[in-house]
Amino acid sequence: MLTVIFLGTAGSLPSPERNPSAVLINREGDLLLFDCGEGTQRQMMRAKTGMMRLSHIFITHHHADHILGIPGLLETMAFQGRRNAISIVGPPGTTRMVDIFDRLVHYSRKFQVRVLELAPNDAVKMEGYRVEAVKTAHSVPSLGYCLKEDQRPGRFNRPKALELGVPPGPLFGRLQRGDTVKIDGRTIYPEQVMGPLRPGRKVVYTGDTRPTRQVEEASKNGDILIHDGSLADDMNEWAAETMHSTAGEAAELAKRAKVRTLVLTHISSRYSDDPRPLLTDARRFFPETVIAEDMMKIDVRLRDE
């Protein structure tokens, strides 16, 4: 299971329909939060995601609409009796940010908050996957993130194994785990009965950014690219000045990267009532585009090949 839950999809100014930035990924029960705008803990309650299994909060940058939900989320987990440590990960300055929150807020928490600052290409390794930091281009120091699963074993060729004299049962499992087995004095190697390695899933979240070569590279053949799509293409000059992306720019990048699905988020309040101009601009270049909405969920399926 790998599910992406959009908790907050607004631009800098929230609206009645859109909370500030926050995206949650549930990967086989691991909960990872990307950005944490105001009210994120309430959005998690609405989405029924749970909080106690949240292990990491990845921050893209330190603008208020991406971080002000952190104290409230930590305190809510404290009230719920959390004891396990949590990690807050972000660009340089994240340690100072957490320290300022600690000085300002009288927390009741009894769990440790670890802080990790990353540079582009650094990675946080998990069991079966990793989260890599990606260089982005915003008006303050910023990072995007690429969740990338390990490669999966190839398909087991049962007819070939039988042909080689391997009896059905435990030896099949050993070969699938990568072990060699002995049959009548002969050695059977896994590569004789296993197909080529298959890719894991890949999800990229940019935060606020101009289109960058690094994001494009990180997104190559990805399953989902969640990209800043703050503005319609007729606002391209303002997008460049404020270091955001237009919907069309994000779509052109998604097309070059050959991603499966582009999700536009950080939607400007200009489009609160009608985001269709963004969708129209994006689909001119990349038809597999959707506009993120609060509480939207996407299940990312495994690829056969």
C-alpha atoms as a PDB file:
ATOM      1  CA  MET A   1       0.000   0.000   0.000  1.00  0.00           C
ATOM      2  CA  LEU A   2       1.200   3.480  -0.879  1.00  0.00           C
ATOM      3  CA  THR A   3      -1.450   6.186  -0.503  1.00  0.00           C
ATOM      4  CA  VAL A   4      -1.034   9.948  -0.928  1.00  0.00           C
ATOM      5  CA  ILE A   5      -3.483  12.066   1.109  1.00  0.00           C
ATOM      6  CA  PHE A   6      -3.760  15.775   0.354  1.00  0.00           C
ATOM      7  CA  LEU A   7      -4.431  17.517   3.663  1.00  0.00           C
ATOM      8  CA  GLY A   8      -3.764  21.085   2.538  1.00  0.00           C
ATOM      9  CA  THR A   9      -3.643  22.364  -1.036  1.00  0.00           C
ATOM     10  CA  ALA A  10      -3.860  26.163  -0.738  1.00  0.00           C
ATOM     11  CA  GLY A  11      -1.352  28.718  -1.866  1.00  0.00           C
ATOM     12  CA  SER A  12      -0.017  31.269   0.594  1.00  0.00           C
ATOM     13  CA  LEU A  13      -3.560  32.399   1.454  1.00  0.00           C
ATOM     14  CA  PRO A  14      -5.907  29.646   2.631  1.00  0.00           C
ATOM     15  CA  SER A  15      -9.552  29.567   1.661  1.00  0.00           C
ATOM     16  CA  PRO A  16     -12.690  27.955   3.094  1.00  0.00           C
ATOM     17  CA  GLU A  17     -12.078  25.041   0.709  1.00  0.00           C
ATOM     18  CA  ARG A  18      -8.312  24.755   1.001  1.00  0.00           C
ATOM     19  CA  ASN A  19      -6.065  24.415   4.062  1.00  0.00           C
ATOM     20  CA  PRO A  20      -2.384  25.479   3.956  1.00  0.00           C
ATOM     21  CA  SER A  21       0.175  23.055   2.545  1.00  0.00           C
ATOM     22  CA  ALA A  22       0.386  19.495   3.871  1.00  0.00           C
ATOM     23  CA  VAL A  23       0.636  16.143   2.110  1.00  0.00           C
ATOM     24  CA  LEU A  24       0.654  12.812   3.947  1.00  0.00           C
ATOM     25  CA  ILE A  25       2.003   9.564   2.512  1.00  0.00           C
ATOM     26  CA  ASN A  26       1.056   6.218   4.029  1.00  0.00           C
ATOM     27  CA  ARG A  27       3.574   3.648   2.839  1.00  0.00           C
ATOM     28  CA  GLU A  28       2.785   0.198   4.227  1.00  0.00           C
ATOM     29  CA  GLY A  29       1.750   1.786   7.523  1.00  0.00           C
ATOM     30  CA  ASP A  30       4.623   4.277   7.720  1.00  0.00           C
ATOM     31  CA  LEU A  31       3.206   7.813   7.918  1.00  0.00           C
ATOM     32  CA  LEU A  32       5.316  10.594   6.420  1.00  0.00           C
ATOM     33  CA  LEU A  33       4.154  14.222   6.389  1.00  0.00           C
ATOM     34  CA  PHE A  34       5.404  16.705   3.795  1.00  0.00           C
ATOM     35  CA  ASP A  35       4.949  20.296   4.991  1.00  0.00           C
ATOM     36  CA  CYS A  36       2.727  21.192   7.906  1.00  0.00           C
ATOM     37  CA  GLY A  37       0.585  24.278   7.474  1.00  0.00           C
ATOM     38  CA  GLU A  38      -1.780  25.604  10.137  1.00  0.00           C
ATOM     39  CA  GLY A  39      -4.452  23.152  11.202  1.00  0.00           C
ATOM     40  CA  THR A  40      -2.771  20.076   9.767  1.00  0.00           C
ATOM     41  CA  GLN A  41      -3.637  17.989  12.825  1.00  0.00           C
ATOM     42  CA  ARG A  42      -7.330  18.762  12.313  1.00  0.00           C
ATOM     43  CA  GLN A  43      -7.053  17.784   8.654  1.00  0.00           C
ATOM     44  CA  MET A  44      -5.507  14.477   9.755  1.00  0.00           C
ATOM     45  CA  MET A  45      -8.480  13.934  12.037  1.00  0.00           C
ATOM     46  CA  ARG A  46     -10.886  14.678   9.189  1.00  0.00           C
ATOM     47  CA  ALA A  47      -9.049  12.248   6.916  1.00  0.00           C
ATOM     48  CA  LYS A  48      -8.871   9.625   9.706  1.00  0.00           C
ATOM     49  CA  THR A  49      -5.174   9.047   9.006  1.00  0.00           C
ATOM     50  CA  GLY A  50      -4.083   8.711  12.613  1.00  0.00           C
ATOM     51  CA  MET A  51      -1.031  10.505  14.001  1.00  0.00           C
ATOM     52  CA  MET A  52       0.752   8.177  16.361  1.00  0.00           C
ATOM     53  CA  ARG A  53       2.531   6.297  13.572  1.00  0.00           C
ATOM     54  CA  LEU A  54       3.817   9.527  12.039  1.00  0.00           C
ATOM     55  CA  SER A  55       7.600   9.149  12.029  1.00  0.00           C
ATOM     56  CA  HIS A  56       8.868  12.099   9.938  1.00  0.00           C
ATOM     57  CA  ILE A  57       7.810  15.625   9.022  1.00  0.00           C
ATOM     58  CA  PHE A  58       9.630  16.767   5.874  1.00  0.00           C
ATOM     59  CA  ILE A  59       9.646  20.549   5.461  1.00  0.00           C
ATOM     60  CA  THR A  60      10.328  22.070   2.040  1.00  0.00           C
ATOM     61  CA  HIS A  61      11.035  25.619   3.293  1.00  0.00           C
ATOM     62  CA  HIS A  62      10.279  27.917   6.172  1.00  0.00           C
ATOM     63  CA  HIS A  63       7.530  30.162   4.852  1.00  0.00           C
ATOM     64  CA  ALA A  64       4.743  30.393   7.419  1.00  0.00           C
ATOM     65  CA  ASP A  65       2.126  28.511   5.394  1.00  0.00           C
ATOM     66  CA  HIS A  66       4.364  25.422   5.362  1.00  0.00           C
ATOM     67  CA  ILE A  67       5.459  25.253   9.021  1.00  0.00           C
ATOM     68  CA  LEU A  68       2.992  26.917  11.391  1.00  0.00           C
ATOM     69  CA  GLY A  69       1.087  23.674  11.946  1.00  0.00           C
ATOM     70  CA  ILE A  70       4.086  21.984  13.573  1.00  0.00           C
ATOM     71  CA  PRO A  71       3.584  23.197  17.189  1.00  0.00           C
ATOM     72  CA  GLY A  72      -0.094  22.322  17.149  1.00  0.00           C
ATOM     73  CA  LEU A  73       0.516  18.875  15.683  1.00  0.00           C
ATOM     74  CA  LEU A  74       3.234  18.092  18.233  1.00  0.00           C
ATOM     75  CA  GLU A  75       1.013  19.221  21.105  1.00  0.00           C
ATOM     76  CA  THR A  76      -1.969  17.232  19.847  1.00  0.00           C
ATOM     77  CA  MET A  77       0.175  14.097  19.726  1.00  0.00           C
ATOM     78  CA  ALA A  78       1.386  14.876  23.255  1.00  0.00           C
ATOM     79  CA  PHE A  79      -2.217  15.104  24.504  1.00  0.00           C
ATOM     80  CA  GLN A  80      -2.879  11.746  22.855  1.00  0.00           C
ATOM     81  CA  GLY A  81      -0.050  10.198  24.876  1.00  0.00           C
ATOM     82  CA  ARG A  82       2.688   9.877  22.285  1.00  0.00           C
ATOM     83  CA  ARG A  83       6.012   8.616  23.616  1.00  0.00           C
ATOM     84  CA  ASN A  84       7.915   7.691  20.429  1.00  0.00           C
ATOM     85  CA  ALA A  85      10.407  10.146  18.976  1.00  0.00           C
ATOM     86  CA  ILE A  86       9.602  12.030  15.767  1.00  0.00           C
ATOM     87  CA  SER A  87      11.992  13.513  13.204  1.00  0.00           C
ATOM     88  CA  ILE A  88      11.632  16.920  11.581  1.00  0.00           C
ATOM     89  CA  VAL A  89      13.627  17.092   8.344  1.00  0.00           C
ATOM     90  CA  GLY A  90      14.284  20.144   6.216  1.00  0.00           C
ATOM     91  CA  PRO A  91      16.743  22.526   4.587  1.00  0.00           C
ATOM     92  CA  PRO A  92      19.402  24.471   6.504  1.00  0.00           C
ATOM     93  CA  GLY A  93      17.783  26.527   9.239  1.00  0.00           C
ATOM     94  CA  THR A  94      15.406  23.774  10.341  1.00  0.00           C
ATOM     95  CA  THR A  95      17.260  23.302  13.643  1.00  0.00           C
ATOM     96  CA  ARG A  96      16.841  27.013  14.383  1.00  0.00           C
ATOM     97  CA  MET A  97      13.146  26.849  13.450  1.00  0.00           C
ATOM     98  CA  VAL A  98      12.483  23.988  15.861  1.00  0.00           C
ATOM     99  CA  ASP A  99      14.490  25.755  18.569  1.00  0.00           C
ATOM    100  CA  ILE A 100      12.390  28.914  18.145  1.00  0.00           C
ATOM    101  CA  PHE A 101       9.183  26.910  18.451  1.00  0.00           C
ATOM    102  CA  ASP A 102      10.577  25.299  21.609  1.00  0.00           C
ATOM    103  CA  ARG A 103      11.314  28.744  23.085  1.00  0.00           C
ATOM    104  CA  LEU A 104       7.904  30.165  22.241  1.00  0.00           C
ATOM    105  CA  VAL A 105       5.611  27.243  23.045  1.00  0.00           C
ATOM    106  CA  HIS A 106       5.073  25.675  26.460  1.00  0.00           C
ATOM    107  CA  TYR A 107       4.783  22.102  25.234  1.00  0.00           C
ATOM    108  CA  SER A 108       3.454  19.277  27.387  1.00  0.00           C
ATOM    109  CA  ARG A 109       5.108  16.626  25.235  1.00  0.00           C
ATOM    110  CA  LYS A 110       7.141  13.787  26.645  1.00  0.00           C
ATOM    111  CA  PHE A 111       8.666  12.537  23.392  1.00  0.00           C
ATOM    112  CA  GLN A 112      11.867  13.474  21.622  1.00  0.00           C
ATOM    113  CA  VAL A 113      11.910  15.685  18.536  1.00  0.00           C
ATOM    114  CA  ARG A 114      14.923  14.963  16.366  1.00  0.00           C
ATOM    115  CA  VAL A 115      16.025  17.434  13.699  1.00  0.00           C
ATOM    116  CA  LEU A 116      17.859  16.610  10.496  1.00  0.00           C
ATOM    117  CA  GLU A 117      19.004  19.203   7.975  1.00  0.00           C
ATOM    118  CA  LEU A 118      19.538  18.003   4.409  1.00  0.00           C
ATOM    119  CA  ALA A 119      21.288  19.284   1.326  1.00  0.00           C
ATOM    120  CA  PRO A 120      20.264  18.320  -2.219  1.00  0.00           C
ATOM    121  CA  ASN A 121      20.952  14.626  -2.946  1.00  0.00           C
ATOM    122  CA  ASP A 122      21.038  13.709   0.748  1.00  0.00           C
ATOM    123  CA  ALA A 123      18.645  10.924   1.660  1.00  0.00           C
ATOM    124  CA  VAL A 124      16.804   9.496   4.640  1.00  0.00           C
ATOM    125  CA  LYS A 125      16.857   5.705   4.360  1.00  0.00           C
ATOM    126  CA  MET A 126      13.875   3.689   5.491  1.00  0.00           C
ATOM    127  CA  GLU A 127      13.065  -0.014   5.325  1.00  0.00           C
ATOM    128  CA  GLY A 128      12.445  -0.753   1.657  1.00  0.00           C
ATOM    129  CA  TYR A 129      12.610   2.831   0.436  1.00  0.00           C
ATOM    130  CA  ARG A 130      14.330   6.187   0.814  1.00  0.00           C
ATOM    131  CA  VAL A 131      13.384   9.862   0.746  1.00  0.00           C
ATOM    132  CA  GLU A 132      15.862  11.920  -1.262  1.00  0.00           C
ATOM    133  CA  ALA A 133      16.247  15.702  -1.046  1.00  0.00           C
ATOM    134  CA  VAL A 134      15.908  17.509  -4.387  1.00  0.00           C
ATOM    135  CA  LYS A 135      17.168  20.977  -5.232  1.00  0.00           C
ATOM    136  CA  THR A 136      14.344  23.435  -5.882  1.00  0.00           C
ATOM    137  CA  ALA A 137      14.262  27.154  -6.694  1.00  0.00           C
ATOM    138  CA  HIS A 138      12.202  29.380  -4.408  1.00  0.00           C
ATOM    139  CA  SER A 139      12.671  32.781  -2.778  1.00  0.00           C
ATOM    140  CA  VAL A 140      14.164  31.210   0.376  1.00  0.00           C
ATOM    141  CA  PRO A 141      16.302  28.079   0.907  1.00  0.00           C
ATOM    142  CA  SER A 142      14.146  25.145  -0.159  1.00  0.00           C
ATOM    143  CA  LEU A 143      14.062  21.448  -0.983  1.00  0.00           C
ATOM    144  CA  GLY A 144      11.743  19.041  -2.714  1.00  0.00           C
ATOM    145  CA  TYR A 145      11.534  15.358  -1.839  1.00  0.00           C
ATOM    146  CA  CYS A 146      11.499  12.125  -3.817  1.00  0.00           C
ATOM    147  CA  LEU A 147      10.135   9.007  -2.126  1.00  0.00           C
ATOM    148  CA  LYS A 148      11.727   6.135  -3.998  1.00  0.00           C
ATOM    149  CA  GLU A 149      11.126   2.477  -3.234  1.00  0.00           C
ATOM    150  CA  ASP A 150      13.812  -0.171  -3.621  1.00  0.00           C
ATOM    151  CA  GLN A 151      13.693  -2.365  -6.696  1.00  0.00           C
ATOM    152  CA  ARG A 152      11.521  -5.447  -6.368  1.00  0.00           C
ATOM    153  CA  PRO A 153      12.525  -8.999  -7.273  1.00  0.00           C
ATOM    154  CA  GLY A 154      11.637 -10.185 -10.753  1.00  0.00           C
ATOM    155  CA  ARG A 155       8.877 -12.665 -11.438  1.00  0.00           C
ATOM    156  CA  PHE A 156       9.492 -16.283 -10.469  1.00  0.00           C
ATOM    157  CA  ASN A 157       9.543 -18.613 -13.495  1.00  0.00           C
ATOM    158  CA  ARG A 158       7.849 -21.708 -12.078  1.00  0.00           C
ATOM    159  CA  PRO A 159       7.993 -23.764 -15.303  1.00  0.00           C
ATOM    160  CA  LYS A 160      11.731 -23.111 -15.582  1.00  0.00           C
ATOM    161  CA  ALA A 161      12.286 -24.126 -11.959  1.00  0.00           C
ATOM    162  CA  LEU A 162      10.412 -27.388 -12.521  1.00  0.00           C
ATOM    163  CA  GLU A 163      12.377 -27.983 -15.701  1.00  0.00           C
ATOM    164  CA  LEU A 164      15.577 -27.638 -13.689  1.00  0.00           C
ATOM    165  CA  GLY A 165      14.315 -30.264 -11.252  1.00  0.00           C
ATOM    166  CA  VAL A 166      13.411 -27.988  -8.345  1.00  0.00           C
ATOM    167  CA  PRO A 167      10.467 -29.526  -6.482  1.00  0.00           C
ATOM    168  CA  PRO A 168       7.615 -27.214  -5.442  1.00  0.00           C
ATOM    169  CA  GLY A 169       7.857 -26.117  -1.830  1.00  0.00           C
ATOM    170  CA  PRO A 170      10.476 -24.428   0.382  1.00  0.00           C
ATOM    171  CA  LEU A 171      13.173 -24.430  -2.312  1.00  0.00           C
ATOM    172  CA  PHE A 172      10.978 -22.194  -4.474  1.00  0.00           C
ATOM    173  CA  GLY A 173      10.915 -19.673  -1.653  1.00  0.00           C
ATOM    174  CA  ARG A 174      14.679 -19.808  -1.161  1.00  0.00           C
ATOM    175  CA  LEU A 175      15.287 -19.084  -4.830  1.00  0.00           C
ATOM    176  CA  GLN A 176      12.828 -16.181  -4.712  1.00  0.00           C
ATOM    177  CA  ARG A 177      14.724 -14.761  -1.727  1.00  0.00           C
ATOM    178  CA  GLY A 178      17.966 -14.853  -3.700  1.00  0.00           C
ATOM    179  CA  ASP A 179      19.515 -18.009  -2.278  1.00  0.00           C
ATOM    180  CA  THR A 180      21.138 -20.782  -4.314  1.00  0.00           C
ATOM    181  CA  VAL A 181      19.883 -24.350  -3.847  1.00  0.00           C
ATOM    182  CA  LYS A 182      21.345 -27.792  -4.463  1.00  0.00           C
ATOM    183  CA  ILE A 183      19.455 -30.446  -6.461  1.00  0.00           C
ATOM    184  CA  ASP A 184      21.119 -33.856  -6.944  1.00  0.00           C
ATOM    185  CA  GLY A 185      24.562 -32.276  -6.636  1.00  0.00           C
ATOM    186  CA  ARG A 186      23.700 -29.457  -9.062  1.00  0.00           C
ATOM    187  CA  THR A 187      23.603 -25.800  -8.010  1.00  0.00           C
ATOM    188  CA  ILE A 188      20.552 -23.825  -9.108  1.00  0.00           C
ATOM    189  CA  TYR A 189      21.061 -20.070  -9.066  1.00  0.00           C
ATOM    190  CA  PRO A 190      18.266 -17.513  -8.520  1.00  0.00           C
ATOM    191  CA  GLU A 191      19.015 -15.761 -11.815  1.00  0.00           C
ATOM    192  CA  GLN A 192      18.132 -18.994 -13.632  1.00  0.00           C
ATOM    193  CA  VAL A 193      14.507 -18.808 -12.475  1.00  0.00           C
ATOM    194  CA  MET A 194      13.941 -15.139 -11.655  1.00  0.00           C
ATOM    195  CA  GLY A 195      13.061 -12.427 -14.154  1.00  0.00           C
ATOM    196  CA  PRO A 196      14.699  -8.976 -14.213  1.00  0.00           C
ATOM    197  CA  LEU A 197      14.308  -6.682 -11.232  1.00  0.00           C
ATOM    198  CA  ARG A 198      11.148  -4.580 -11.269  1.00  0.00           C
ATOM    199  CA  PRO A 199      11.000  -0.910 -10.268  1.00  0.00           C
ATOM    200  CA  GLY A 200       9.509   0.273  -7.016  1.00  0.00           C
ATOM    201  CA  ARG A 201       7.188   3.243  -6.868  1.00  0.00           C
ATOM    202  CA  LYS A 202       8.280   6.873  -6.959  1.00  0.00           C
ATOM    203  CA  VAL A 203       6.484   9.974  -5.674  1.00  0.00           C
ATOM    204  CA  VAL A 204       7.975  13.480  -5.932  1.00  0.00           C
ATOM    205  CA  TYR A 205       6.769  16.493  -3.932  1.00  0.00           C
ATOM    206  CA  THR A 206       8.271  19.844  -4.879  1.00  0.00           C
ATOM    207  CA  GLY A 207       6.889  22.356  -2.422  1.00  0.00           C
ATOM    208  CA  ASP A 208       7.070  25.919  -3.760  1.00  0.00           C
ATOM    209  CA  THR A 209       9.431  26.233  -6.704  1.00  0.00           C
ATOM    210  CA  ARG A 210      10.155  27.320 -10.210  1.00  0.00           C
ATOM    211  CA  PRO A 211      10.570  24.370 -12.627  1.00  0.00           C
ATOM    212  CA  THR A 212      14.095  22.982 -12.232  1.00  0.00           C
ATOM    213  CA  ARG A 213      16.264  20.474 -14.012  1.00  0.00           C
ATOM    214  CA  GLN A 214      16.828  18.685 -10.701  1.00  0.00           C
ATOM    215  CA  VAL A 215      13.102  18.154 -10.148  1.00  0.00           C
ATOM    216  CA  GLU A 216      12.775  16.886 -13.705  1.00  0.00           C
ATOM    217  CA  GLU A 217      15.604  14.401 -13.193  1.00  0.00           C
ATOM    218  CA  ALA A 218      14.214  13.203  -9.863  1.00  0.00           C
ATOM    219  CA  SER A 219      10.792  12.724 -11.450  1.00  0.00           C
ATOM    220  CA  LYS A 220      11.941  10.629 -14.433  1.00  0.00           C
ATOM    221  CA  ASN A 221       9.432   7.822 -15.006  1.00  0.00           C
ATOM    222  CA  GLY A 222       7.855   8.563 -11.637  1.00  0.00           C
ATOM    223  CA  ASP A 223       4.377   7.504 -10.606  1.00  0.00           C
ATOM    224  CA  ILE A 224       3.226  10.849  -9.216  1.00  0.00           C
ATOM    225  CA  LEU A 225       4.728  14.317  -9.438  1.00  0.00           C
ATOM    226  CA  ILE A 226       3.123  16.732  -6.963  1.00  0.00           C
ATOM    227  CA  HIS A 227       4.235  20.113  -8.294  1.00  0.00           C
ATOM    228  CA  ASP A 228       3.701  23.753  -7.467  1.00  0.00           C
ATOM    229  CA  GLY A 229       0.953  24.888  -9.848  1.00  0.00           C
ATOM    230  CA  SER A 230       0.046  28.133  -8.153  1.00  0.00           C
ATOM    231  CA  LEU A 231      -0.881  30.201 -11.189  1.00  0.00           C
ATOM    232  CA  ALA A 232      -2.367  30.064 -14.659  1.00  0.00           C
ATOM    233  CA  ASP A 233      -0.099  30.657 -17.632  1.00  0.00           C
ATOM    234  CA  ASP A 234      -1.297  34.247 -18.139  1.00  0.00           C
ATOM    235  CA  MET A 235       0.371  35.016 -14.778  1.00  0.00           C
ATOM    236  CA  ASN A 236       3.781  33.745 -15.902  1.00  0.00           C
ATOM    237  CA  GLU A 237       5.615  36.974 -15.110  1.00  0.00           C
ATOM    238  CA  TRP A 238       4.216  37.045 -11.585  1.00  0.00           C
ATOM    239  CA  ALA A 239       5.069  33.367 -11.165  1.00  0.00           C
ATOM    240  CA  ALA A 240       8.678  34.064 -12.118  1.00  0.00           C
ATOM    241  CA  GLU A 241       8.879  37.075  -9.804  1.00  0.00           C
ATOM    242  CA  THR A 242       7.476  35.185  -6.799  1.00  0.00           C
ATOM    243  CA  MET A 243       9.428  32.002  -7.611  1.00  0.00           C
ATOM    244  CA  HIS A 244       6.419  29.807  -8.225  1.00  0.00           C
ATOM    245  CA  SER A 245       5.336  27.783 -11.285  1.00  0.00           C
ATOM    246  CA  THR A 246       2.444  28.120 -13.649  1.00  0.00           C
ATOM    247  CA  ALA A 247       0.288  25.111 -14.421  1.00  0.00           C
ATOM    248  CA  GLY A 248       1.651  24.931 -17.953  1.00  0.00           C
ATOM    249  CA  GLU A 249       5.265  25.069 -16.794  1.00  0.00           C
ATOM    250  CA  ALA A 250       4.686  22.199 -14.370  1.00  0.00           C
ATOM    251  CA  ALA A 251       2.945  20.206 -17.111  1.00  0.00           C
ATOM    252  CA  GLU A 252       5.785  20.706 -19.578  1.00  0.00           C
ATOM    253  CA  LEU A 253       8.222  19.408 -16.958  1.00  0.00           C
ATOM    254  CA  ALA A 254       5.969  16.402 -16.245  1.00  0.00           C
ATOM    255  CA  LYS A 255       5.830  15.614 -19.957  1.00  0.00           C
ATOM    256  CA  ARG A 256       9.616  15.693 -20.296  1.00  0.00           C
ATOM    257  CA  ALA A 257      10.008  13.548 -17.175  1.00  0.00           C
ATOM    258  CA  LYS A 258       7.471  10.989 -18.465  1.00  0.00           C
ATOM    259  CA  VAL A 259       5.651  10.732 -15.162  1.00  0.00           C
ATOM    260  CA  ARG A 260       2.403   8.808 -14.881  1.00  0.00           C
ATOM    261  CA  THR A 261       0.372  11.523 -13.154  1.00  0.00           C
ATOM    262  CA  LEU A 262       0.890  15.216 -12.419  1.00  0.00           C
ATOM    263  CA  VAL A 263      -0.916  16.693  -9.424  1.00  0.00           C
ATOM    264  CA  LEU A 264      -0.951  20.483  -9.179  1.00  0.00           C
ATOM    265  CA  THR A 265      -1.086  21.932  -5.675  1.00  0.00           C
ATOM    266  CA  HIS A 266      -0.388  25.187  -3.780  1.00  0.00           C
ATOM    267  CA  ILE A 267      -3.362  26.646  -5.636  1.00  0.00           C
ATOM    268  CA  SER A 268      -3.598  30.439  -5.509  1.00  0.00           C
ATOM    269  CA  SER A 269      -6.720  31.886  -3.885  1.00  0.00           C
ATOM    270  CA  ARG A 270      -7.421  33.525  -7.262  1.00  0.00           C
ATOM    271  CA  TYR A 271      -8.767  30.144  -8.319  1.00  0.00           C
ATOM    272  CA  SER A 272     -10.694  29.244  -5.168  1.00  0.00           C
ATOM    273  CA  ASP A 273     -14.026  29.236  -6.961  1.00  0.00           C
ATOM    274  CA  ASP A 274     -12.831  27.848 -10.269  1.00  0.00           C
ATOM    275  CA  PRO A 275      -9.468  26.089 -10.744  1.00  0.00           C
ATOM    276  CA  ARG A 276     -10.367  25.065 -14.299  1.00  0.00           C
ATOM    277  CA  PRO A 277      -7.998  27.615 -15.904  1.00  0.00           C
ATOM    278  CA  LEU A 278      -5.085  25.761 -14.271  1.00  0.00           C
ATOM    279  CA  LEU A 279      -6.313  22.421 -15.532  1.00  0.00           C
ATOM    280  CA  THR A 280      -6.833  23.767 -19.045  1.00  0.00           C
ATOM    281  CA  ASP A 281      -3.329  25.238 -19.171  1.00  0.00           C
ATOM    282  CA  ALA A 282      -1.731  22.046 -17.881  1.00  0.00           C
ATOM    283  CA  ARG A 283      -3.617  19.571 -20.047  1.00  0.00           C
ATOM    284  CA  ARG A 284      -2.496  21.351 -23.213  1.00  0.00           C
ATOM    285  CA  PHE A 285       0.908  19.825 -22.489  1.00  0.00           C
ATOM    286  CA  PHE A 286       0.151  16.874 -20.216  1.00  0.00           C
ATOM    287  CA  PRO A 287      -3.338  15.328 -20.234  1.00  0.00           C
ATOM    288  CA  GLU A 288      -2.686  13.167 -17.152  1.00  0.00           C
ATOM    289  CA  THR A 289      -2.994  16.190 -14.858  1.00  0.00           C
ATOM    290  CA  VAL A 290      -5.291  16.638 -11.874  1.00  0.00           C
ATOM    291  CA  ILE A 291      -5.815  19.526  -9.466  1.00  0.00           C
ATOM    292  CA  ALA A 292      -5.276  18.621  -5.822  1.00  0.00           C
ATOM    293  CA  GLU A 293      -8.226  19.084  -3.479  1.00  0.00           C
ATOM    294  CA  ASP A 294      -8.232  18.874   0.305  1.00  0.00           C
ATOM    295  CA  MET A 295      -8.990  15.294   1.446  1.00  0.00           C
ATOM    296  CA  MET A 296      -8.182  13.834  -1.984  1.00  0.00           C
ATOM    297  CA  LYS A 297      -6.492  10.417  -1.871  1.00  0.00           C
ATOM    298  CA  ILE A 298      -4.469   8.643  -4.541  1.00  0.00           C
ATOM    299  CA  ASP A 299      -3.459   4.987  -4.257  1.00  0.00           C
ATOM    300  CA  VAL A 300      -0.189   4.350  -6.099  1.00  0.00           C
ATOM    301  CA  ARG A 301      -0.177   0.913  -7.658  1.00  0.00           C
ATOM    302  CA  LEU A 302       2.876  -1.255  -8.251  1.00  0.00           C
ATOM    303  CA  ARG A 303       4.126  -1.533 -11.805  1.00  0.00           C
ATOM    304  CA  ASP A 304       4.337  -4.955 -13.384  1.00  0.00           C
ATOM    305  CA  GLU A 305       7.460  -4.025 -15.321  1.00  0.00           C
END
